[in-house]
Amino acid sequence: MGQGYDYLERGNLDAFTGRGPCIDTPVCRLNLTSDGSGSHHGWYCDYVEVTTTGPHKSCSQTFFYVDQWLADDVSPYNLTAVLDGCHRAQYARRGSRFSVGNNAKLSSA
């Protein structure tokens, strides 16, 4: 994905990367928000995968199963989805995948 790629389009699996300060693992809370701009601003998010690593650190993955439209014209009529699994994060095994969200998907993951 590079210059000219049309992000957040139907059927696309979009990937984003970034750098930031070290954070505790696993990442346990997600606030996903659309700015609601554009002629077809609503989009459905199946899941968000967050992978963290750093020098002398093992890789940590969190899957947030959002399963929600981010739109003001489709149920649940909200531009924001917040998933919080921090109450369970202390029980996550180091180096294992941590999942937050839809229970049906969690049991099959």
PDB file of N, CA and C in Angstrom:
ATOM      1  N   MET A   1       0.843  -1.169   0.000  1.00  0.00           N
ATOM      2  CA  MET A   1       0.000   0.000   0.000  1.00  0.00           C
ATOM      3  C   MET A   1       0.884   1.227   0.000  1.00  0.00           C
ATOM      4  N   GLY A   2       0.642   2.074  -0.912  1.00  0.00           N
ATOM      5  CA  GLY A   2       1.474   3.253  -1.017  1.00  0.00           C
ATOM      6  C   GLY A   2       0.692   4.429  -1.542  1.00  0.00           C
ATOM      7  N   GLN A   3       1.409   5.331  -2.171  1.00  0.00           N
ATOM      8  CA  GLN A   3       0.799   6.538  -2.696  1.00  0.00           C
ATOM      9  C   GLN A   3      -0.310   6.184  -3.686  1.00  0.00           C
ATOM     10  N   GLY A   4      -1.457   6.813  -3.543  1.00  0.00           N
ATOM     11  CA  GLY A   4      -2.577   6.573  -4.441  1.00  0.00           C
ATOM     12  C   GLY A   4      -3.488   5.433  -4.025  1.00  0.00           C
ATOM     13  N   TYR A   5      -3.109   4.675  -2.984  1.00  0.00           N
ATOM     14  CA  TYR A   5      -3.948   3.572  -2.515  1.00  0.00           C
ATOM     15  C   TYR A   5      -5.192   4.145  -1.847  1.00  0.00           C
ATOM     16  N   ASP A   6      -6.351   3.560  -2.118  1.00  0.00           N
ATOM     17  CA  ASP A   6      -7.614   4.040  -1.561  1.00  0.00           C
ATOM     18  C   ASP A   6      -7.965   3.205  -0.328  1.00  0.00           C
ATOM     19  N   TYR A   7      -7.625   3.715   0.834  1.00  0.00           N
ATOM     20  CA  TYR A   7      -7.856   3.000   2.088  1.00  0.00           C
ATOM     21  C   TYR A   7      -9.340   2.910   2.426  1.00  0.00           C
ATOM     22  N   LEU A   8      -9.676   1.918   3.241  1.00  0.00           N
ATOM     23  CA  LEU A   8     -11.001   1.736   3.818  1.00  0.00           C
ATOM     24  C   LEU A   8     -12.087   1.533   2.769  1.00  0.00           C
ATOM     25  N   GLU A   9     -11.752   0.831   1.704  1.00  0.00           N
ATOM     26  CA  GLU A   9     -12.728   0.496   0.670  1.00  0.00           C
ATOM     27  C   GLU A   9     -13.200  -0.931   0.858  1.00  0.00           C
ATOM     28  N   ARG A  10     -14.405  -1.201   0.382  1.00  0.00           N
ATOM     29  CA  ARG A  10     -15.025  -2.525   0.502  1.00  0.00           C
ATOM     30  C   ARG A  10     -14.071  -3.623   0.024  1.00  0.00           C
ATOM     31  N   GLY A  11     -13.950  -4.655   0.843  1.00  0.00           N
ATOM     32  CA  GLY A  11     -13.142  -5.815   0.490  1.00  0.00           C
ATOM     33  C   GLY A  11     -11.650  -5.662   0.739  1.00  0.00           C
ATOM     34  N   ASN A  12     -11.201  -4.478   1.127  1.00  0.00           N
ATOM     35  CA  ASN A  12      -9.776  -4.262   1.357  1.00  0.00           C
ATOM     36  C   ASN A  12      -9.366  -4.700   2.758  1.00  0.00           C
ATOM     37  N   LEU A  13      -8.153  -5.206   2.859  1.00  0.00           N
ATOM     38  CA  LEU A  13      -7.510  -5.434   4.147  1.00  0.00           C
ATOM     39  C   LEU A  13      -6.392  -4.407   4.217  1.00  0.00           C
ATOM     40  N   ASP A  14      -6.571  -3.378   5.022  1.00  0.00           N
ATOM     41  CA  ASP A  14      -5.622  -2.275   5.084  1.00  0.00           C
ATOM     42  C   ASP A  14      -4.651  -2.471   6.238  1.00  0.00           C
ATOM     43  N   ALA A  15      -3.386  -2.131   6.010  1.00  0.00           N
ATOM     44  CA  ALA A  15      -2.351  -2.264   7.035  1.00  0.00           C
ATOM     45  C   ALA A  15      -1.717  -0.898   7.279  1.00  0.00           C
ATOM     46  N   PHE A  16      -1.503  -0.586   8.540  1.00  0.00           N
ATOM     47  CA  PHE A  16      -0.882   0.669   8.934  1.00  0.00           C
ATOM     48  C   PHE A  16       0.250   0.338   9.902  1.00  0.00           C
ATOM     49  N   THR A  17       1.336   1.068   9.822  1.00  0.00           N
ATOM     50  CA  THR A  17       2.446   0.870  10.746  1.00  0.00           C
ATOM     51  C   THR A  17       2.823   2.215  11.355  1.00  0.00           C
ATOM     52  N   GLY A  18       3.485   2.152  12.475  1.00  0.00           N
ATOM     53  CA  GLY A  18       3.933   3.375  13.112  1.00  0.00           C
ATOM     54  C   GLY A  18       4.935   3.066  14.201  1.00  0.00           C
ATOM     55  N   ARG A  19       5.582   4.094  14.667  1.00  0.00           N
ATOM     56  CA  ARG A  19       6.532   3.974  15.764  1.00  0.00           C
ATOM     57  C   ARG A  19       6.075   4.866  16.896  1.00  0.00           C
ATOM     58  N   GLY A  20       6.364   4.435  18.089  1.00  0.00           N
ATOM     59  CA  GLY A  20       5.987   5.227  19.249  1.00  0.00           C
ATOM     60  C   GLY A  20       6.773   4.774  20.454  1.00  0.00           C
ATOM     61  N   PRO A  21       6.506   5.395  21.587  1.00  0.00           N
ATOM     62  CA  PRO A  21       7.201   5.000  22.810  1.00  0.00           C
ATOM     63  C   PRO A  21       6.784   3.590  23.226  1.00  0.00           C
ATOM     64  N   CYS A  22       7.626   2.950  23.995  1.00  0.00           N
ATOM     65  CA  CYS A  22       7.312   1.606  24.486  1.00  0.00           C
ATOM     66  C   CYS A  22       6.056   1.655  25.344  1.00  0.00           C
ATOM     67  N   ILE A  23       5.211   0.644  25.184  1.00  0.00           N
ATOM     68  CA  ILE A  23       3.986   0.543  25.970  1.00  0.00           C
ATOM     69  C   ILE A  23       3.923  -0.840  26.585  1.00  0.00           C
ATOM     70  N   ASP A  24       3.170  -0.939  27.662  1.00  0.00           N
ATOM     71  CA  ASP A  24       2.994  -2.243  28.293  1.00  0.00           C
ATOM     72  C   ASP A  24       2.204  -3.157  27.371  1.00  0.00           C
ATOM     73  N   THR A  25       2.501  -4.436  27.438  1.00  0.00           N
ATOM     74  CA  THR A  25       1.767  -5.408  26.631  1.00  0.00           C
ATOM     75  C   THR A  25       0.972  -6.308  27.553  1.00  0.00           C
ATOM     76  N   PRO A  26      -0.110  -6.852  27.134  1.00  0.00           N
ATOM     77  CA  PRO A  26      -0.668  -6.650  25.802  1.00  0.00           C
ATOM     78  C   PRO A  26      -1.445  -5.338  25.724  1.00  0.00           C
ATOM     79  N   VAL A  27      -1.556  -4.790  24.509  1.00  0.00           N
ATOM     80  CA  VAL A  27      -2.434  -3.645  24.282  1.00  0.00           C
ATOM     81  C   VAL A  27      -3.844  -4.151  24.547  1.00  0.00           C
ATOM     82  N   CYS A  28      -4.584  -3.487  25.425  1.00  0.00           N
ATOM     83  CA  CYS A  28      -5.862  -4.060  25.861  1.00  0.00           C
ATOM     84  C   CYS A  28      -7.071  -3.174  25.595  1.00  0.00           C
ATOM     85  N   ARG A  29      -6.874  -1.957  25.108  1.00  0.00           N
ATOM     86  CA  ARG A  29      -8.007  -1.056  24.862  1.00  0.00           C
ATOM     87  C   ARG A  29      -7.839  -0.393  23.509  1.00  0.00           C
ATOM     88  N   LEU A  30      -8.955  -0.294  22.770  1.00  0.00           N
ATOM     89  CA  LEU A  30      -8.947   0.317  21.442  1.00  0.00           C
ATOM     90  C   LEU A  30     -10.095   1.309  21.337  1.00  0.00           C
ATOM     91  N   ASN A  31      -9.797   2.498  20.855  1.00  0.00           N
ATOM     92  CA  ASN A  31     -10.809   3.491  20.513  1.00  0.00           C
ATOM     93  C   ASN A  31     -10.638   3.748  19.024  1.00  0.00           C
ATOM     94  N   LEU A  32     -11.563   3.248  18.219  1.00  0.00           N
ATOM     95  CA  LEU A  32     -11.515   3.375  16.764  1.00  0.00           C
ATOM     96  C   LEU A  32     -12.589   4.370  16.353  1.00  0.00           C
ATOM     97  N   THR A  33     -12.186   5.473  15.717  1.00  0.00           N
ATOM     98  CA  THR A  33     -13.116   6.547  15.398  1.00  0.00           C
ATOM     99  C   THR A  33     -12.964   6.984  13.950  1.00  0.00           C
ATOM    100  N   SER A  34     -14.093   7.157  13.276  1.00  0.00           N
ATOM    101  CA  SER A  34     -14.136   7.722  11.927  1.00  0.00           C
ATOM    102  C   SER A  34     -14.423   9.211  12.051  1.00  0.00           C
ATOM    103  N   ASP A  35     -13.832  10.011  11.162  1.00  0.00           N
ATOM    104  CA  ASP A  35     -14.137  11.443  11.202  1.00  0.00           C
ATOM    105  C   ASP A  35     -15.432  11.769  10.465  1.00  0.00           C
ATOM    106  N   GLY A  36     -16.036  10.777   9.817  1.00  0.00           N
ATOM    107  CA  GLY A  36     -17.325  10.977   9.166  1.00  0.00           C
ATOM    108  C   GLY A  36     -17.269  11.819   7.910  1.00  0.00           C
ATOM    109  N   SER A  37     -16.077  12.028   7.359  1.00  0.00           N
ATOM    110  CA  SER A  37     -15.973  12.870   6.168  1.00  0.00           C
ATOM    111  C   SER A  37     -16.094  12.038   4.895  1.00  0.00           C
ATOM    112  N   GLY A  38     -16.383  12.694   3.818  1.00  0.00           N
ATOM    113  CA  GLY A  38     -16.477  12.040   2.518  1.00  0.00           C
ATOM    114  C   GLY A  38     -17.908  11.684   2.160  1.00  0.00           C
ATOM    115  N   SER A  39     -18.123  11.414   0.883  1.00  0.00           N
ATOM    116  CA  SER A  39     -19.480  11.142   0.415  1.00  0.00           C
ATOM    117  C   SER A  39     -19.984   9.776   0.863  1.00  0.00           C
ATOM    118  N   HIS A  40     -19.100   8.814   1.013  1.00  0.00           N
ATOM    119  CA  HIS A  40     -19.463   7.475   1.509  1.00  0.00           C
ATOM    120  C   HIS A  40     -18.594   7.187   2.724  1.00  0.00           C
ATOM    121  N   HIS A  41     -18.834   7.933   3.789  1.00  0.00           N
ATOM    122  CA  HIS A  41     -17.929   7.907   4.940  1.00  0.00           C
ATOM    123  C   HIS A  41     -18.085   6.679   5.826  1.00  0.00           C
ATOM    124  N   GLY A  42     -19.210   6.002   5.796  1.00  0.00           N
ATOM    125  CA  GLY A  42     -19.408   4.852   6.666  1.00  0.00           C
ATOM    126  C   GLY A  42     -18.558   3.673   6.236  1.00  0.00           C
ATOM    127  N   TRP A  43     -18.004   2.953   7.201  1.00  0.00           N
ATOM    128  CA  TRP A  43     -17.249   1.751   6.875  1.00  0.00           C
ATOM    129  C   TRP A  43     -17.409   0.720   7.975  1.00  0.00           C
ATOM    130  N   TYR A  44     -17.355  -0.532   7.549  1.00  0.00           N
ATOM    131  CA  TYR A  44     -17.509  -1.659   8.461  1.00  0.00           C
ATOM    132  C   TYR A  44     -16.126  -2.170   8.834  1.00  0.00           C
ATOM    133  N   CYS A  45     -15.896  -2.334  10.117  1.00  0.00           N
ATOM    134  CA  CYS A  45     -14.614  -2.870  10.579  1.00  0.00           C
ATOM    135  C   CYS A  45     -14.847  -4.244  11.177  1.00  0.00           C
ATOM    136  N   ASP A  46     -14.208  -5.239  10.601  1.00  0.00           N
ATOM    137  CA  ASP A  46     -14.283  -6.603  11.113  1.00  0.00           C
ATOM    138  C   ASP A  46     -13.381  -6.735  12.341  1.00  0.00           C
ATOM    139  N   TYR A  47     -12.102  -6.424  12.168  1.00  0.00           N
ATOM    140  CA  TYR A  47     -11.169  -6.548  13.292  1.00  0.00           C
ATOM    141  C   TYR A  47      -9.990  -5.605  13.110  1.00  0.00           C
ATOM    142  N   VAL A  48      -9.274  -5.374  14.208  1.00  0.00           N
ATOM    143  CA  VAL A  48      -8.022  -4.630  14.209  1.00  0.00           C
ATOM    144  C   VAL A  48      -6.997  -5.511  14.904  1.00  0.00           C
ATOM    145  N   GLU A  49      -5.868  -5.697  14.261  1.00  0.00           N
ATOM    146  CA  GLU A  49      -4.763  -6.472  14.843  1.00  0.00           C
ATOM    147  C   GLU A  49      -3.648  -5.502  15.203  1.00  0.00           C
ATOM    148  N   VAL A  50      -3.215  -5.543  16.454  1.00  0.00           N
ATOM    149  CA  VAL A  50      -2.128  -4.685  16.922  1.00  0.00           C
ATOM    150  C   VAL A  50      -0.958  -5.578  17.313  1.00  0.00           C
ATOM    151  N   THR A  51       0.195  -5.337  16.702  1.00  0.00           N
ATOM    152  CA  THR A  51       1.408  -6.087  17.018  1.00  0.00           C
ATOM    153  C   THR A  51       2.438  -5.104  17.549  1.00  0.00           C
ATOM    154  N   THR A  52       3.006  -5.407  18.700  1.00  0.00           N
ATOM    155  CA  THR A  52       4.034  -4.544  19.275  1.00  0.00           C
ATOM    156  C   THR A  52       5.307  -5.351  19.480  1.00  0.00           C
ATOM    157  N   THR A  53       6.422  -4.667  19.331  1.00  0.00           N
ATOM    158  CA  THR A  53       7.726  -5.276  19.583  1.00  0.00           C
ATOM    159  C   THR A  53       8.729  -4.152  19.811  1.00  0.00           C
ATOM    160  N   GLY A  54       9.889  -4.493  20.190  1.00  0.00           N
ATOM    161  CA  GLY A  54      10.932  -3.505  20.404  1.00  0.00           C
ATOM    162  C   GLY A  54      12.248  -4.204  20.663  1.00  0.00           C
ATOM    163  N   PRO A  55      13.319  -3.422  20.808  1.00  0.00           N
ATOM    164  CA  PRO A  55      14.621  -4.017  21.075  1.00  0.00           C
ATOM    165  C   PRO A  55      14.583  -4.859  22.354  1.00  0.00           C
ATOM    166  N   HIS A  56      15.033  -6.073  22.260  1.00  0.00           N
ATOM    167  CA  HIS A  56      15.108  -6.992  23.401  1.00  0.00           C
ATOM    168  C   HIS A  56      13.738  -7.289  24.008  1.00  0.00           C
ATOM    169  N   LYS A  57      12.671  -7.201  23.190  1.00  0.00           N
ATOM    170  CA  LYS A  57      11.316  -7.516  23.652  1.00  0.00           C
ATOM    171  C   LYS A  57      10.710  -8.544  22.714  1.00  0.00           C
ATOM    172  N   SER A  58       9.914  -9.426  23.290  1.00  0.00           N
ATOM    173  CA  SER A  58       9.216 -10.382  22.437  1.00  0.00           C
ATOM    174  C   SER A  58       8.020  -9.689  21.793  1.00  0.00           C
ATOM    175  N   CYS A  59       7.540 -10.279  20.731  1.00  0.00           N
ATOM    176  CA  CYS A  59       6.406  -9.745  19.987  1.00  0.00           C
ATOM    177  C   CYS A  59       5.116 -10.002  20.765  1.00  0.00           C
ATOM    178  N   SER A  60       4.203  -9.045  20.754  1.00  0.00           N
ATOM    179  CA  SER A  60       2.905  -9.189  21.407  1.00  0.00           C
ATOM    180  C   SER A  60       1.817  -8.843  20.396  1.00  0.00           C
ATOM    181  N   GLN A  61       0.770  -9.656  20.332  1.00  0.00           N
ATOM    182  CA  GLN A  61      -0.340  -9.412  19.411  1.00  0.00           C
ATOM    183  C   GLN A  61      -1.647  -9.321  20.173  1.00  0.00           C
ATOM    184  N   THR A  62      -2.467  -8.355  19.782  1.00  0.00           N
ATOM    185  CA  THR A  62      -3.829  -8.256  20.291  1.00  0.00           C
ATOM    186  C   THR A  62      -4.765  -8.157  19.103  1.00  0.00           C
ATOM    187  N   PHE A  63      -5.823  -8.960  19.119  1.00  0.00           N
ATOM    188  CA  PHE A  63      -6.865  -8.892  18.102  1.00  0.00           C
ATOM    189  C   PHE A  63      -8.094  -8.271  18.740  1.00  0.00           C
ATOM    190  N   PHE A  64      -8.559  -7.172  18.160  1.00  0.00           N
ATOM    191  CA  PHE A  64      -9.786  -6.523  18.594  1.00  0.00           C
ATOM    192  C   PHE A  64     -10.855  -6.845  17.558  1.00  0.00           C
ATOM    193  N   TYR A  65     -11.830  -7.658  17.924  1.00  0.00           N
ATOM    194  CA  TYR A  65     -12.915  -8.015  17.012  1.00  0.00           C
ATOM    195  C   TYR A  65     -14.006  -6.959  17.141  1.00  0.00           C
ATOM    196  N   VAL A  66     -14.010  -6.010  16.226  1.00  0.00           N
ATOM    197  CA  VAL A  66     -14.904  -4.857  16.278  1.00  0.00           C
ATOM    198  C   VAL A  66     -16.300  -5.229  15.778  1.00  0.00           C
ATOM    199  N   ASP A  67     -16.396  -5.861  14.606  1.00  0.00           N
ATOM    200  CA  ASP A  67     -17.680  -6.293  14.024  1.00  0.00           C
ATOM    201  C   ASP A  67     -18.742  -5.205  14.095  1.00  0.00           C
ATOM    202  N   GLN A  68     -18.425  -4.032  13.579  1.00  0.00           N
ATOM    203  CA  GLN A  68     -19.344  -2.896  13.695  1.00  0.00           C
ATOM    204  C   GLN A  68     -19.155  -1.918  12.547  1.00  0.00           C
ATOM    205  N   TRP A  69     -20.260  -1.308  12.138  1.00  0.00           N
ATOM    206  CA  TRP A  69     -20.210  -0.183  11.216  1.00  0.00           C
ATOM    207  C   TRP A  69     -19.780   1.049  11.989  1.00  0.00           C
ATOM    208  N   LEU A  70     -18.901   1.850  11.392  1.00  0.00           N
ATOM    209  CA  LEU A  70     -18.572   3.175  11.901  1.00  0.00           C
ATOM    210  C   LEU A  70     -19.255   4.144  10.942  1.00  0.00           C
ATOM    211  N   ALA A  71     -20.482   4.502  11.273  1.00  0.00           N
ATOM    212  CA  ALA A  71     -21.306   5.332  10.393  1.00  0.00           C
ATOM    213  C   ALA A  71     -22.443   5.930  11.201  1.00  0.00           C
ATOM    214  N   ASP A  72     -22.937   7.070  10.735  1.00  0.00           N
ATOM    215  CA  ASP A  72     -24.081   7.672  11.423  1.00  0.00           C
ATOM    216  C   ASP A  72     -25.400   7.362  10.722  1.00  0.00           C
ATOM    217  N   ASP A  73     -25.354   6.548   9.650  1.00  0.00           N
ATOM    218  CA  ASP A  73     -26.578   6.202   8.932  1.00  0.00           C
ATOM    219  C   ASP A  73     -26.853   4.694   8.926  1.00  0.00           C
ATOM    220  N   VAL A  74     -26.078   3.925   9.694  1.00  0.00           N
ATOM    221  CA  VAL A  74     -26.243   2.471   9.803  1.00  0.00           C
ATOM    222  C   VAL A  74     -26.100   2.101  11.282  1.00  0.00           C
ATOM    223  N   SER A  75     -26.905   1.145  11.738  1.00  0.00           N
ATOM    224  CA  SER A  75     -26.840   0.703  13.130  1.00  0.00           C
ATOM    225  C   SER A  75     -25.423   0.236  13.460  1.00  0.00           C
ATOM    226  N   PRO A  76     -24.862   0.629  14.573  1.00  0.00           N
ATOM    227  CA  PRO A  76     -25.445   1.257  15.764  1.00  0.00           C
ATOM    228  C   PRO A  76     -25.426   2.791  15.736  1.00  0.00           C
ATOM    229  N   TYR A  77     -25.316   3.402  14.548  1.00  0.00           N
ATOM    230  CA  TYR A  77     -25.384   4.861  14.384  1.00  0.00           C
ATOM    231  C   TYR A  77     -24.341   5.577  15.234  1.00  0.00           C
ATOM    232  N   ASN A  78     -23.099   5.137  15.089  1.00  0.00           N
ATOM    233  CA  ASN A  78     -22.016   5.684  15.888  1.00  0.00           C
ATOM    234  C   ASN A  78     -20.749   5.700  15.050  1.00  0.00           C
ATOM    235  N   LEU A  79     -19.958   6.752  15.172  1.00  0.00           N
ATOM    236  CA  LEU A  79     -18.689   6.858  14.449  1.00  0.00           C
ATOM    237  C   LEU A  79     -17.519   6.325  15.272  1.00  0.00           C
ATOM    238  N   THR A  80     -17.804   5.801  16.453  1.00  0.00           N
ATOM    239  CA  THR A  80     -16.755   5.316  17.350  1.00  0.00           C
ATOM    240  C   THR A  80     -17.088   3.925  17.876  1.00  0.00           C
ATOM    241  N   ALA A  81     -16.072   3.087  17.955  1.00  0.00           N
ATOM    242  CA  ALA A  81     -16.183   1.783  18.616  1.00  0.00           C
ATOM    243  C   ALA A  81     -15.072   1.717  19.659  1.00  0.00           C
ATOM    244  N   VAL A  82     -15.436   1.398  20.886  1.00  0.00           N
ATOM    245  CA  VAL A  82     -14.455   1.266  21.964  1.00  0.00           C
ATOM    246  C   VAL A  82     -14.514  -0.161  22.481  1.00  0.00           C
ATOM    247  N   LEU A  83     -13.377  -0.840  22.471  1.00  0.00           N
ATOM    248  CA  LEU A  83     -13.279  -2.193  23.019  1.00  0.00           C
ATOM    249  C   LEU A  83     -12.255  -2.163  24.139  1.00  0.00           C
ATOM    250  N   ASP A  84     -12.640  -2.663  25.294  1.00  0.00           N
ATOM    251  CA  ASP A  84     -11.774  -2.614  26.467  1.00  0.00           C
ATOM    252  C   ASP A  84     -11.677  -3.999  27.093  1.00  0.00           C
ATOM    253  N   GLY A  85     -10.516  -4.603  27.012  1.00  0.00           N
ATOM    254  CA  GLY A  85     -10.280  -5.903  27.621  1.00  0.00           C
ATOM    255  C   GLY A  85      -9.254  -5.824  28.733  1.00  0.00           C
ATOM    256  N   CYS A  86      -9.022  -4.621  29.244  1.00  0.00           N
ATOM    257  CA  CYS A  86      -7.963  -4.434  30.239  1.00  0.00           C
ATOM    258  C   CYS A  86      -8.218  -5.206  31.527  1.00  0.00           C
ATOM    259  N   HIS A  87      -9.476  -5.453  31.858  1.00  0.00           N
ATOM    260  CA  HIS A  87      -9.772  -6.232  33.065  1.00  0.00           C
ATOM    261  C   HIS A  87      -9.295  -7.684  32.917  1.00  0.00           C
ATOM    262  N   ARG A  88      -9.096  -8.155  31.678  1.00  0.00           N
ATOM    263  CA  ARG A  88      -8.622  -9.522  31.426  1.00  0.00           C
ATOM    264  C   ARG A  88      -7.138  -9.581  31.080  1.00  0.00           C
ATOM    265  N   ALA A  89      -6.538  -8.442  30.787  1.00  0.00           N
ATOM    266  CA  ALA A  89      -5.163  -8.416  30.290  1.00  0.00           C
ATOM    267  C   ALA A  89      -4.168  -9.008  31.274  1.00  0.00           C
ATOM    268  N   GLN A  90      -4.421  -8.859  32.567  1.00  0.00           N
ATOM    269  CA  GLN A  90      -3.476  -9.377  33.562  1.00  0.00           C
ATOM    270  C   GLN A  90      -3.374 -10.897  33.520  1.00  0.00           C
ATOM    271  N   TYR A  91      -4.394 -11.557  32.934  1.00  0.00           N
ATOM    272  CA  TYR A  91      -4.389 -13.015  32.856  1.00  0.00           C
ATOM    273  C   TYR A  91      -3.815 -13.538  31.544  1.00  0.00           C
ATOM    274  N   ALA A  92      -3.458 -12.641  30.645  1.00  0.00           N
ATOM    275  CA  ALA A  92      -2.913 -13.059  29.345  1.00  0.00           C
ATOM    276  C   ALA A  92      -1.515 -13.632  29.535  1.00  0.00           C
ATOM    277  N   ARG A  93      -1.235 -14.693  28.812  1.00  0.00           N
ATOM    278  CA  ARG A  93       0.098 -15.291  28.869  1.00  0.00           C
ATOM    279  C   ARG A  93       1.045 -14.505  27.977  1.00  0.00           C
ATOM    280  N   ARG A  94       2.231 -14.275  28.454  1.00  0.00           N
ATOM    281  CA  ARG A  94       3.230 -13.569  27.651  1.00  0.00           C
ATOM    282  C   ARG A  94       3.520 -14.369  26.389  1.00  0.00           C
ATOM    283  N   GLY A  95       3.611 -13.654  25.268  1.00  0.00           N
ATOM    284  CA  GLY A  95       3.928 -14.303  24.003  1.00  0.00           C
ATOM    285  C   GLY A  95       2.738 -14.960  23.331  1.00  0.00           C
ATOM    286  N   SER A  96       1.562 -14.905  23.955  1.00  0.00           N
ATOM    287  CA  SER A  96       0.385 -15.505  23.331  1.00  0.00           C
ATOM    288  C   SER A  96      -0.500 -14.403  22.755  1.00  0.00           C
ATOM    289  N   ARG A  97      -1.422 -14.800  21.913  1.00  0.00           N
ATOM    290  CA  ARG A  97      -2.342 -13.851  21.299  1.00  0.00           C
ATOM    291  C   ARG A  97      -3.431 -13.482  22.305  1.00  0.00           C
ATOM    292  N   PHE A  98      -3.684 -12.204  22.446  1.00  0.00           N
ATOM    293  CA  PHE A  98      -4.722 -11.685  23.342  1.00  0.00           C
ATOM    294  C   PHE A  98      -5.862 -11.183  22.469  1.00  0.00           C
ATOM    295  N   SER A  99      -7.093 -11.568  22.781  1.00  0.00           N
ATOM    296  CA  SER A  99      -8.244 -11.189  21.962  1.00  0.00           C
ATOM    297  C   SER A  99      -9.270 -10.441  22.791  1.00  0.00           C
ATOM    298  N   VAL A 100      -9.873  -9.434  22.160  1.00  0.00           N
ATOM    299  CA  VAL A 100     -10.901  -8.621  22.799  1.00  0.00           C
ATOM    300  C   VAL A 100     -12.050  -8.483  21.815  1.00  0.00           C
ATOM    301  N   GLY A 101     -13.275  -8.718  22.275  1.00  0.00           N
ATOM    302  CA  GLY A 101     -14.420  -8.468  21.400  1.00  0.00           C
ATOM    303  C   GLY A 101     -15.401  -9.605  21.353  1.00  0.00           C
ATOM    304  N   ASN A 102     -15.979  -9.808  20.180  1.00  0.00           N
ATOM    305  CA  ASN A 102     -17.047 -10.767  19.917  1.00  0.00           C
ATOM    306  C   ASN A 102     -16.719 -12.147  20.478  1.00  0.00           C
ATOM    307  N   ASN A 103     -17.524 -12.615  21.437  1.00  0.00           N
ATOM    308  CA  ASN A 103     -17.255 -13.894  22.108  1.00  0.00           C
ATOM    309  C   ASN A 103     -17.237 -15.080  21.162  1.00  0.00           C
ATOM    310  N   ALA A 104     -18.083 -15.087  20.129  1.00  0.00           N
ATOM    311  CA  ALA A 104     -18.101 -16.204  19.177  1.00  0.00           C
ATOM    312  C   ALA A 104     -16.765 -16.313  18.463  1.00  0.00           C
ATOM    313  N   LYS A 105     -16.188 -15.182  18.079  1.00  0.00           N
ATOM    314  CA  LYS A 105     -14.892 -15.216  17.404  1.00  0.00           C
ATOM    315  C   LYS A 105     -13.773 -15.546  18.381  1.00  0.00           C
ATOM    316  N   LEU A 106     -13.909 -15.102  19.627  1.00  0.00           N
ATOM    317  CA  LEU A 106     -12.873 -15.386  20.615  1.00  0.00           C
ATOM    318  C   LEU A 106     -12.745 -16.881  20.850  1.00  0.00           C
ATOM    319  N   SER A 107     -13.855 -17.577  20.901  1.00  0.00           N
ATOM    320  CA  SER A 107     -13.801 -19.005  21.194  1.00  0.00           C
ATOM    321  C   SER A 107     -13.248 -19.810  20.029  1.00  0.00           C
ATOM    322  N   SER A 108     -13.296 -19.257  18.805  1.00  0.00           N
ATOM    323  CA  SER A 108     -12.763 -19.988  17.657  1.00  0.00           C
ATOM    324  C   SER A 108     -11.353 -19.549  17.307  1.00  0.00           C
ATOM    325  N   ALA A 109     -10.834 -18.515  17.978  1.00  0.00           N
ATOM    326  CA  ALA A 109      -9.500 -17.993  17.663  1.00  0.00           C
ATOM    327  C   ALA A 109      -8.412 -18.858  18.254  1.00  0.00           C
TER     328      ALA A 109
END
